[in-house]
Amino acid sequence: MKVNIRTWEHRPRKSSWLIIPLCVLALSGCANMSPTGQRALSGGAIGAAGGAVLGTVAAGNPAVGAAVGGAVGAGVGAALPKIERTLNGN
C-alpha cells in the first residue's frame, strides 16, 4: 500500500495570522490591573484549568467543569484579601 506523503503536509489555516496579535492584545490588557483584579484573573484561570480536568474525569464534560472552576476560582481570587484578614484575626 502506497502512502501519499503530500496529504500529510502542513497547510496553514487562513485564520492563523490572527493568533499572535490576539495573544498580544490579551496579555497587554492585564498590564494596568489592580491587585484584586489580577488575583481574580489568575484564580479564574487556575480554576478553569482544574475544573476542566475534573469535569473530564468526573462527568465527561470539560466545558462545564471549566466554567464552574473558573467562576469559583475568580471569586476566591477576588476575595482572598478578606479571607486572609479573617484568618489572621484582623
PDB file of N, CA and C in Angstrom:
ATOM      1  N   MET A   1       0.839  -1.170   0.000  1.00  0.00           N
ATOM      2  CA  MET A   1       0.000   0.000   0.000  1.00  0.00           C
ATOM      3  C   MET A   1       0.885   1.234   0.000  1.00  0.00           C
ATOM      4  N   LYS A   2       0.615   2.150  -0.940  1.00  0.00           N
ATOM      5  CA  LYS A   2       1.384   3.384  -1.017  1.00  0.00           C
ATOM      6  C   LYS A   2       0.696   4.482  -0.210  1.00  0.00           C
ATOM      7  N   VAL A   3       1.522   5.272   0.486  1.00  0.00           N
ATOM      8  CA  VAL A   3       1.001   6.398   1.245  1.00  0.00           C
ATOM      9  C   VAL A   3       1.398   7.672   0.515  1.00  0.00           C
ATOM     10  N   ASN A   4       0.437   8.485   0.247  1.00  0.00           N
ATOM     11  CA  ASN A   4       0.700   9.759  -0.417  1.00  0.00           C
ATOM     12  C   ASN A   4       1.215  10.748   0.627  1.00  0.00           C
ATOM     13  N   ILE A   5       2.481  11.108   0.549  1.00  0.00           N
ATOM     14  CA  ILE A   5       3.111  11.979   1.540  1.00  0.00           C
ATOM     15  C   ILE A   5       2.526  13.386   1.486  1.00  0.00           C
ATOM     16  N   ARG A   6       2.088  13.825   0.347  1.00  0.00           N
ATOM     17  CA  ARG A   6       1.563  15.187   0.218  1.00  0.00           C
ATOM     18  C   ARG A   6       0.301  15.421   1.048  1.00  0.00           C
ATOM     19  N   THR A   7      -0.413  14.394   1.377  1.00  0.00           N
ATOM     20  CA  THR A   7      -1.608  14.597   2.190  1.00  0.00           C
ATOM     21  C   THR A   7      -1.265  14.922   3.636  1.00  0.00           C
ATOM     22  N   TRP A   8      -0.042  14.661   4.065  1.00  0.00           N
ATOM     23  CA  TRP A   8       0.370  14.921   5.435  1.00  0.00           C
ATOM     24  C   TRP A   8       1.061  16.263   5.603  1.00  0.00           C
ATOM     25  N   GLU A   9       1.158  17.048   4.539  1.00  0.00           N
ATOM     26  CA  GLU A   9       1.824  18.347   4.625  1.00  0.00           C
ATOM     27  C   GLU A   9       0.997  19.301   5.478  1.00  0.00           C
ATOM     28  N   HIS A  10       1.716  20.197   6.127  1.00  0.00           N
ATOM     29  CA  HIS A  10       1.058  21.206   6.956  1.00  0.00           C
ATOM     30  C   HIS A  10       0.510  22.306   6.058  1.00  0.00           C
ATOM     31  N   ARG A  11      -0.759  22.562   6.199  1.00  0.00           N
ATOM     32  CA  ARG A  11      -1.386  23.643   5.445  1.00  0.00           C
ATOM     33  C   ARG A  11      -1.891  24.672   6.447  1.00  0.00           C
ATOM     34  N   PRO A  12      -1.295  25.885   6.461  1.00  0.00           N
ATOM     35  CA  PRO A  12      -1.747  26.883   7.427  1.00  0.00           C
ATOM     36  C   PRO A  12      -3.181  27.329   7.128  1.00  0.00           C
ATOM     37  N   ARG A  13      -3.931  27.531   8.163  1.00  0.00           N
ATOM     38  CA  ARG A  13      -5.301  27.992   8.010  1.00  0.00           C
ATOM     39  C   ARG A  13      -5.308  29.488   7.762  1.00  0.00           C
ATOM     40  N   LYS A  14      -6.381  29.957   7.200  1.00  0.00           N
ATOM     41  CA  LYS A  14      -6.482  31.379   6.895  1.00  0.00           C
ATOM     42  C   LYS A  14      -6.504  32.228   8.149  1.00  0.00           C
ATOM     43  N   SER A  15      -7.025  31.706   9.237  1.00  0.00           N
ATOM     44  CA  SER A  15      -7.124  32.494  10.465  1.00  0.00           C
ATOM     45  C   SER A  15      -5.882  32.406  11.340  1.00  0.00           C
ATOM     46  N   SER A  16      -4.864  31.689  10.923  1.00  0.00           N
ATOM     47  CA  SER A  16      -3.689  31.526  11.778  1.00  0.00           C
ATOM     48  C   SER A  16      -2.900  32.817  11.948  1.00  0.00           C
ATOM     49  N   TRP A  17      -3.048  33.764  11.060  1.00  0.00           N
ATOM     50  CA  TRP A  17      -2.331  35.025  11.198  1.00  0.00           C
ATOM     51  C   TRP A  17      -2.937  35.900  12.300  1.00  0.00           C
ATOM     52  N   LEU A  18      -4.088  35.548  12.820  1.00  0.00           N
ATOM     53  CA  LEU A  18      -4.712  36.311  13.892  1.00  0.00           C
ATOM     54  C   LEU A  18      -4.239  35.908  15.280  1.00  0.00           C
ATOM     55  N   ILE A  19      -3.600  34.774  15.399  1.00  0.00           N
ATOM     56  CA  ILE A  19      -3.269  34.236  16.721  1.00  0.00           C
ATOM     57  C   ILE A  19      -2.304  35.135  17.489  1.00  0.00           C
ATOM     58  N   ILE A  20      -1.220  35.545  16.886  1.00  0.00           N
ATOM     59  CA  ILE A  20      -0.213  36.361  17.593  1.00  0.00           C
ATOM     60  C   ILE A  20      -0.773  37.718  18.007  1.00  0.00           C
ATOM     61  N   PRO A  21      -1.432  38.478  17.120  1.00  0.00           N
ATOM     62  CA  PRO A  21      -1.992  39.764  17.589  1.00  0.00           C
ATOM     63  C   PRO A  21      -3.037  39.608  18.690  1.00  0.00           C
ATOM     64  N   LEU A  22      -3.837  38.553  18.639  1.00  0.00           N
ATOM     65  CA  LEU A  22      -4.817  38.350  19.696  1.00  0.00           C
ATOM     66  C   LEU A  22      -4.157  38.015  21.024  1.00  0.00           C
ATOM     67  N   CYS A  23      -3.086  37.234  20.992  1.00  0.00           N
ATOM     68  CA  CYS A  23      -2.355  36.924  22.226  1.00  0.00           C
ATOM     69  C   CYS A  23      -1.709  38.171  22.813  1.00  0.00           C
ATOM     70  N   VAL A  24      -1.122  38.987  21.968  1.00  0.00           N
ATOM     71  CA  VAL A  24      -0.501  40.226  22.444  1.00  0.00           C
ATOM     72  C   VAL A  24      -1.556  41.152  23.045  1.00  0.00           C
ATOM     73  N   LEU A  25      -2.705  41.270  22.389  1.00  0.00           N
ATOM     74  CA  LEU A  25      -3.778  42.110  22.892  1.00  0.00           C
ATOM     75  C   LEU A  25      -4.308  41.597  24.230  1.00  0.00           C
ATOM     76  N   ALA A  26      -4.476  40.293  24.339  1.00  0.00           N
ATOM     77  CA  ALA A  26      -4.977  39.722  25.588  1.00  0.00           C
ATOM     78  C   ALA A  26      -3.998  39.928  26.731  1.00  0.00           C
ATOM     79  N   LEU A  27      -2.713  39.765  26.466  1.00  0.00           N
ATOM     80  CA  LEU A  27      -1.717  39.934  27.528  1.00  0.00           C
ATOM     81  C   LEU A  27      -1.519  41.396  27.896  1.00  0.00           C
ATOM     82  N   SER A  28      -1.649  42.307  26.960  1.00  0.00           N
ATOM     83  CA  SER A  28      -1.462  43.719  27.273  1.00  0.00           C
ATOM     84  C   SER A  28      -2.632  44.276  28.076  1.00  0.00           C
ATOM     85  N   GLY A  29      -3.771  43.628  28.018  1.00  0.00           N
ATOM     86  CA  GLY A  29      -4.916  44.075  28.802  1.00  0.00           C
ATOM     87  C   GLY A  29      -4.729  43.865  30.286  1.00  0.00           C
ATOM     88  N   CYS A  30      -3.782  43.069  30.692  1.00  0.00           N
ATOM     89  CA  CYS A  30      -3.538  42.783  32.105  1.00  0.00           C
ATOM     90  C   CYS A  30      -2.513  43.724  32.731  1.00  0.00           C
ATOM     91  N   ALA A  31      -1.965  44.654  31.976  1.00  0.00           N
ATOM     92  CA  ALA A  31      -0.858  45.467  32.463  1.00  0.00           C
ATOM     93  C   ALA A  31      -1.263  46.426  33.576  1.00  0.00           C
ATOM     94  N   ASN A  32      -2.406  47.059  33.481  1.00  0.00           N
ATOM     95  CA  ASN A  32      -2.790  48.082  34.455  1.00  0.00           C
ATOM     96  C   ASN A  32      -3.911  47.618  35.379  1.00  0.00           C
ATOM     97  N   MET A  33      -3.919  46.361  35.726  1.00  0.00           N
ATOM     98  CA  MET A  33      -4.973  45.839  36.588  1.00  0.00           C
ATOM     99  C   MET A  33      -4.635  46.070  38.057  1.00  0.00           C
ATOM    100  N   SER A  34      -5.678  46.178  38.858  1.00  0.00           N
ATOM    101  CA  SER A  34      -5.478  46.283  40.301  1.00  0.00           C
ATOM    102  C   SER A  34      -5.049  44.921  40.843  1.00  0.00           C
ATOM    103  N   PRO A  35      -4.478  44.893  42.034  1.00  0.00           N
ATOM    104  CA  PRO A  35      -4.102  43.590  42.610  1.00  0.00           C
ATOM    105  C   PRO A  35      -5.295  42.646  42.776  1.00  0.00           C
ATOM    106  N   THR A  36      -6.467  43.196  43.115  1.00  0.00           N
ATOM    107  CA  THR A  36      -7.654  42.349  43.241  1.00  0.00           C
ATOM    108  C   THR A  36      -8.037  41.767  41.900  1.00  0.00           C
ATOM    109  N   GLY A  37      -7.982  42.575  40.849  1.00  0.00           N
ATOM    110  CA  GLY A  37      -8.288  42.092  39.506  1.00  0.00           C
ATOM    111  C   GLY A  37      -7.305  41.038  39.037  1.00  0.00           C
ATOM    112  N   GLN A  38      -6.032  41.238  39.376  1.00  0.00           N
ATOM    113  CA  GLN A  38      -5.023  40.245  38.999  1.00  0.00           C
ATOM    114  C   GLN A  38      -5.262  38.924  39.716  1.00  0.00           C
ATOM    115  N   ARG A  39      -5.609  38.992  41.003  1.00  0.00           N
ATOM    116  CA  ARG A  39      -5.889  37.759  41.742  1.00  0.00           C
ATOM    117  C   ARG A  39      -7.128  37.069  41.203  1.00  0.00           C
ATOM    118  N   ALA A  40      -8.146  37.845  40.846  1.00  0.00           N
ATOM    119  CA  ALA A  40      -9.367  37.245  40.299  1.00  0.00           C
ATOM    120  C   ALA A  40      -9.087  36.590  38.954  1.00  0.00           C
ATOM    121  N   LEU A  41      -8.281  37.243  38.117  1.00  0.00           N
ATOM    122  CA  LEU A  41      -7.955  36.681  36.810  1.00  0.00           C
ATOM    123  C   LEU A  41      -7.127  35.410  36.941  1.00  0.00           C
ATOM    124  N   SER A  42      -6.098  35.435  37.774  1.00  0.00           N
ATOM    125  CA  SER A  42      -5.271  34.236  37.921  1.00  0.00           C
ATOM    126  C   SER A  42      -6.047  33.117  38.617  1.00  0.00           C
ATOM    127  N   GLY A  43      -6.880  33.464  39.600  1.00  0.00           N
ATOM    128  CA  GLY A  43      -7.707  32.452  40.245  1.00  0.00           C
ATOM    129  C   GLY A  43      -8.694  31.836  39.271  1.00  0.00           C
ATOM    130  N   GLY A  44      -9.259  32.657  38.400  1.00  0.00           N
ATOM    131  CA  GLY A  44     -10.184  32.139  37.390  1.00  0.00           C
ATOM    132  C   GLY A  44      -9.502  31.227  36.395  1.00  0.00           C
ATOM    133  N   ALA A  45      -8.292  31.594  35.992  1.00  0.00           N
ATOM    134  CA  ALA A  45      -7.551  30.753  35.037  1.00  0.00           C
ATOM    135  C   ALA A  45      -7.168  29.417  35.667  1.00  0.00           C
ATOM    136  N   ILE A  46      -6.681  29.466  36.895  1.00  0.00           N
ATOM    137  CA  ILE A  46      -6.309  28.226  37.578  1.00  0.00           C
ATOM    138  C   ILE A  46      -7.552  27.368  37.837  1.00  0.00           C
ATOM    139  N   GLY A  47      -8.629  28.013  38.254  1.00  0.00           N
ATOM    140  CA  GLY A  47      -9.864  27.278  38.494  1.00  0.00           C
ATOM    141  C   GLY A  47     -10.434  26.662  37.228  1.00  0.00           C
ATOM    142  N   ALA A  48     -10.340  27.380  36.112  1.00  0.00           N
ATOM    143  CA  ALA A  48     -10.841  26.848  34.841  1.00  0.00           C
ATOM    144  C   ALA A  48     -10.032  25.642  34.393  1.00  0.00           C
ATOM    145  N   ALA A  49      -8.718  25.713  34.559  1.00  0.00           N
ATOM    146  CA  ALA A  49      -7.878  24.579  34.170  1.00  0.00           C
ATOM    147  C   ALA A  49      -8.176  23.359  35.046  1.00  0.00           C
ATOM    148  N   GLY A  50      -8.234  23.580  36.338  1.00  0.00           N
ATOM    149  CA  GLY A  50      -8.538  22.467  37.240  1.00  0.00           C
ATOM    150  C   GLY A  50      -9.942  21.939  37.040  1.00  0.00           C
ATOM    151  N   GLY A  51     -10.893  22.834  36.805  1.00  0.00           N
ATOM    152  CA  GLY A  51     -12.265  22.413  36.577  1.00  0.00           C
ATOM    153  C   GLY A  51     -12.424  21.618  35.289  1.00  0.00           C
ATOM    154  N   ALA A  52     -11.660  21.992  34.259  1.00  0.00           N
ATOM    155  CA  ALA A  52     -11.726  21.239  33.004  1.00  0.00           C
ATOM    156  C   ALA A  52     -11.217  19.815  33.199  1.00  0.00           C
ATOM    157  N   VAL A  53     -10.146  19.686  33.957  1.00  0.00           N
ATOM    158  CA  VAL A  53      -9.600  18.342  34.218  1.00  0.00           C
ATOM    159  C   VAL A  53     -10.588  17.525  35.038  1.00  0.00           C
ATOM    160  N   LEU A  54     -11.094  18.103  36.123  1.00  0.00           N
ATOM    161  CA  LEU A  54     -12.045  17.367  36.961  1.00  0.00           C
ATOM    162  C   LEU A  54     -13.354  17.101  36.232  1.00  0.00           C
ATOM    163  N   GLY A  55     -13.790  18.049  35.402  1.00  0.00           N
ATOM    164  CA  GLY A  55     -15.014  17.829  34.636  1.00  0.00           C
ATOM    165  C   GLY A  55     -14.873  16.700  33.650  1.00  0.00           C
ATOM    166  N   THR A  56     -13.696  16.569  33.068  1.00  0.00           N
ATOM    167  CA  THR A  56     -13.455  15.475  32.133  1.00  0.00           C
ATOM    168  C   THR A  56     -13.440  14.139  32.861  1.00  0.00           C
ATOM    169  N   VAL A  57     -12.777  14.089  33.997  1.00  0.00           N
ATOM    170  CA  VAL A  57     -12.649  12.836  34.738  1.00  0.00           C
ATOM    171  C   VAL A  57     -13.973  12.426  35.366  1.00  0.00           C
ATOM    172  N   ALA A  58     -14.632  13.363  36.021  1.00  0.00           N
ATOM    173  CA  ALA A  58     -15.824  13.017  36.791  1.00  0.00           C
ATOM    174  C   ALA A  58     -17.085  12.910  35.942  1.00  0.00           C
ATOM    175  N   ALA A  59     -17.323  13.903  35.096  1.00  0.00           N
ATOM    176  CA  ALA A  59     -18.603  13.945  34.386  1.00  0.00           C
ATOM    177  C   ALA A  59     -18.467  13.771  32.884  1.00  0.00           C
ATOM    178  N   GLY A  60     -17.261  13.805  32.368  1.00  0.00           N
ATOM    179  CA  GLY A  60     -17.062  13.670  30.936  1.00  0.00           C
ATOM    180  C   GLY A  60     -17.343  14.933  30.161  1.00  0.00           C
ATOM    181  N   ASN A  61     -17.453  16.082  30.845  1.00  0.00           N
ATOM    182  CA  ASN A  61     -17.735  17.343  30.167  1.00  0.00           C
ATOM    183  C   ASN A  61     -16.764  18.413  30.640  1.00  0.00           C
ATOM    184  N   PRO A  62     -15.667  18.640  29.904  1.00  0.00           N
ATOM    185  CA  PRO A  62     -14.679  19.615  30.355  1.00  0.00           C
ATOM    186  C   PRO A  62     -15.166  21.057  30.300  1.00  0.00           C
ATOM    187  N   ALA A  63     -16.111  21.376  29.419  1.00  0.00           N
ATOM    188  CA  ALA A  63     -16.582  22.759  29.307  1.00  0.00           C
ATOM    189  C   ALA A  63     -17.333  23.189  30.562  1.00  0.00           C
ATOM    190  N   VAL A  64     -18.185  22.338  31.068  1.00  0.00           N
ATOM    191  CA  VAL A  64     -18.926  22.670  32.287  1.00  0.00           C
ATOM    192  C   VAL A  64     -17.972  22.759  33.473  1.00  0.00           C
ATOM    193  N   GLY A  65     -17.040  21.844  33.554  1.00  0.00           N
ATOM    194  CA  GLY A  65     -16.054  21.892  34.631  1.00  0.00           C
ATOM    195  C   GLY A  65     -15.214  23.154  34.582  1.00  0.00           C
ATOM    196  N   ALA A  66     -14.823  23.585  33.379  1.00  0.00           N
ATOM    197  CA  ALA A  66     -14.034  24.807  33.238  1.00  0.00           C
ATOM    198  C   ALA A  66     -14.847  26.031  33.627  1.00  0.00           C
ATOM    199  N   ALA A  67     -16.117  26.061  33.247  1.00  0.00           N
ATOM    200  CA  ALA A  67     -16.956  27.203  33.595  1.00  0.00           C
ATOM    201  C   ALA A  67     -17.154  27.315  35.099  1.00  0.00           C
ATOM    202  N   VAL A  68     -17.464  26.202  35.736  1.00  0.00           N
ATOM    203  CA  VAL A  68     -17.680  26.215  37.191  1.00  0.00           C
ATOM    204  C   VAL A  68     -16.369  26.512  37.919  1.00  0.00           C
ATOM    205  N   GLY A  69     -15.291  25.849  37.502  1.00  0.00           N
ATOM    206  CA  GLY A  69     -13.992  26.084  38.146  1.00  0.00           C
ATOM    207  C   GLY A  69     -13.502  27.505  37.955  1.00  0.00           C
ATOM    208  N   GLY A  70     -13.722  28.073  36.787  1.00  0.00           N
ATOM    209  CA  GLY A  70     -13.312  29.453  36.539  1.00  0.00           C
ATOM    210  C   GLY A  70     -14.084  30.436  37.388  1.00  0.00           C
ATOM    211  N   ALA A  71     -15.390  30.215  37.524  1.00  0.00           N
ATOM    212  CA  ALA A  71     -16.201  31.117  38.351  1.00  0.00           C
ATOM    213  C   ALA A  71     -15.800  31.035  39.818  1.00  0.00           C
ATOM    214  N   VAL A  72     -15.604  29.832  40.310  1.00  0.00           N
ATOM    215  CA  VAL A  72     -15.211  29.661  41.712  1.00  0.00           C
ATOM    216  C   VAL A  72     -13.813  30.230  41.942  1.00  0.00           C
ATOM    217  N   GLY A  73     -12.895  29.955  41.016  1.00  0.00           N
ATOM    218  CA  GLY A  73     -11.531  30.472  41.161  1.00  0.00           C
ATOM    219  C   GLY A  73     -11.470  31.982  41.120  1.00  0.00           C
ATOM    220  N   ALA A  74     -12.267  32.611  40.258  1.00  0.00           N
ATOM    221  CA  ALA A  74     -12.288  34.071  40.197  1.00  0.00           C
ATOM    222  C   ALA A  74     -12.861  34.658  41.478  1.00  0.00           C
ATOM    223  N   GLY A  75     -13.895  34.024  42.001  1.00  0.00           N
ATOM    224  CA  GLY A  75     -14.472  34.509  43.256  1.00  0.00           C
ATOM    225  C   GLY A  75     -13.517  34.400  44.421  1.00  0.00           C
ATOM    226  N   VAL A  76     -12.840  33.278  44.509  1.00  0.00           N
ATOM    227  CA  VAL A  76     -11.870  33.092  45.597  1.00  0.00           C
ATOM    228  C   VAL A  76     -10.678  34.039  45.427  1.00  0.00           C
ATOM    229  N   GLY A  77     -10.227  34.207  44.189  1.00  0.00           N
ATOM    230  CA  GLY A  77      -9.108  35.124  43.955  1.00  0.00           C
ATOM    231  C   GLY A  77      -9.444  36.556  44.323  1.00  0.00           C
ATOM    232  N   ALA A  78     -10.666  36.984  44.012  1.00  0.00           N
ATOM    233  CA  ALA A  78     -11.071  38.354  44.349  1.00  0.00           C
ATOM    234  C   ALA A  78     -11.273  38.533  45.841  1.00  0.00           C
ATOM    235  N   ALA A  79     -11.717  37.487  46.532  1.00  0.00           N
ATOM    236  CA  ALA A  79     -11.997  37.581  47.963  1.00  0.00           C
ATOM    237  C   ALA A  79     -10.798  37.221  48.833  1.00  0.00           C
ATOM    238  N   LEU A  80      -9.678  36.902  48.240  1.00  0.00           N
ATOM    239  CA  LEU A  80      -8.533  36.416  49.008  1.00  0.00           C
ATOM    240  C   LEU A  80      -8.049  37.382  50.092  1.00  0.00           C
ATOM    241  N   PRO A  81      -7.947  38.689  49.851  1.00  0.00           N
ATOM    242  CA  PRO A  81      -7.508  39.565  50.957  1.00  0.00           C
ATOM    243  C   PRO A  81      -8.442  39.523  52.160  1.00  0.00           C
ATOM    244  N   LYS A  82      -9.749  39.474  51.921  1.00  0.00           N
ATOM    245  CA  LYS A  82     -10.697  39.396  53.034  1.00  0.00           C
ATOM    246  C   LYS A  82     -10.558  38.064  53.768  1.00  0.00           C
ATOM    247  N   ILE A  83     -10.333  36.999  53.047  1.00  0.00           N
ATOM    248  CA  ILE A  83     -10.158  35.683  53.660  1.00  0.00           C
ATOM    249  C   ILE A  83      -8.892  35.678  54.518  1.00  0.00           C
ATOM    250  N   GLU A  84      -7.803  36.256  53.998  1.00  0.00           N
ATOM    251  CA  GLU A  84      -6.557  36.304  54.771  1.00  0.00           C
ATOM    252  C   GLU A  84      -6.714  37.137  56.034  1.00  0.00           C
ATOM    253  N   ARG A  85      -7.419  38.282  55.936  1.00  0.00           N
ATOM    254  CA  ARG A  85      -7.627  39.107  57.129  1.00  0.00           C
ATOM    255  C   ARG A  85      -8.448  38.371  58.172  1.00  0.00           C
ATOM    256  N   THR A  86      -9.442  37.626  57.733  1.00  0.00           N
ATOM    257  CA  THR A  86     -10.274  36.862  58.652  1.00  0.00           C
ATOM    258  C   THR A  86      -9.464  35.762  59.340  1.00  0.00           C
ATOM    259  N   LEU A  87      -8.617  35.084  58.591  1.00  0.00           N
ATOM    260  CA  LEU A  87      -7.815  34.022  59.179  1.00  0.00           C
ATOM    261  C   LEU A  87      -6.755  34.554  60.135  1.00  0.00           C
ATOM    262  N   ASN A  88      -6.253  35.757  59.871  1.00  0.00           N
ATOM    263  CA  ASN A  88      -5.232  36.338  60.736  1.00  0.00           C
ATOM    264  C   ASN A  88      -5.832  37.037  61.945  1.00  0.00           C
ATOM    265  N   GLY A  89      -7.143  37.172  61.987  1.00  0.00           N
ATOM    266  CA  GLY A  89      -7.790  37.793  63.137  1.00  0.00           C
ATOM    267  C   GLY A  89      -7.796  39.301  63.106  1.00  0.00           C
ATOM    268  N   ASN A  90      -7.567  39.913  61.972  1.00  0.00           N
ATOM    269  CA  ASN A  90      -7.558  41.373  61.877  1.00  0.00           C
ATOM    270  C   ASN A  90      -8.915  41.898  61.491  1.00  0.00           C
TER     271      ASN A  90
END
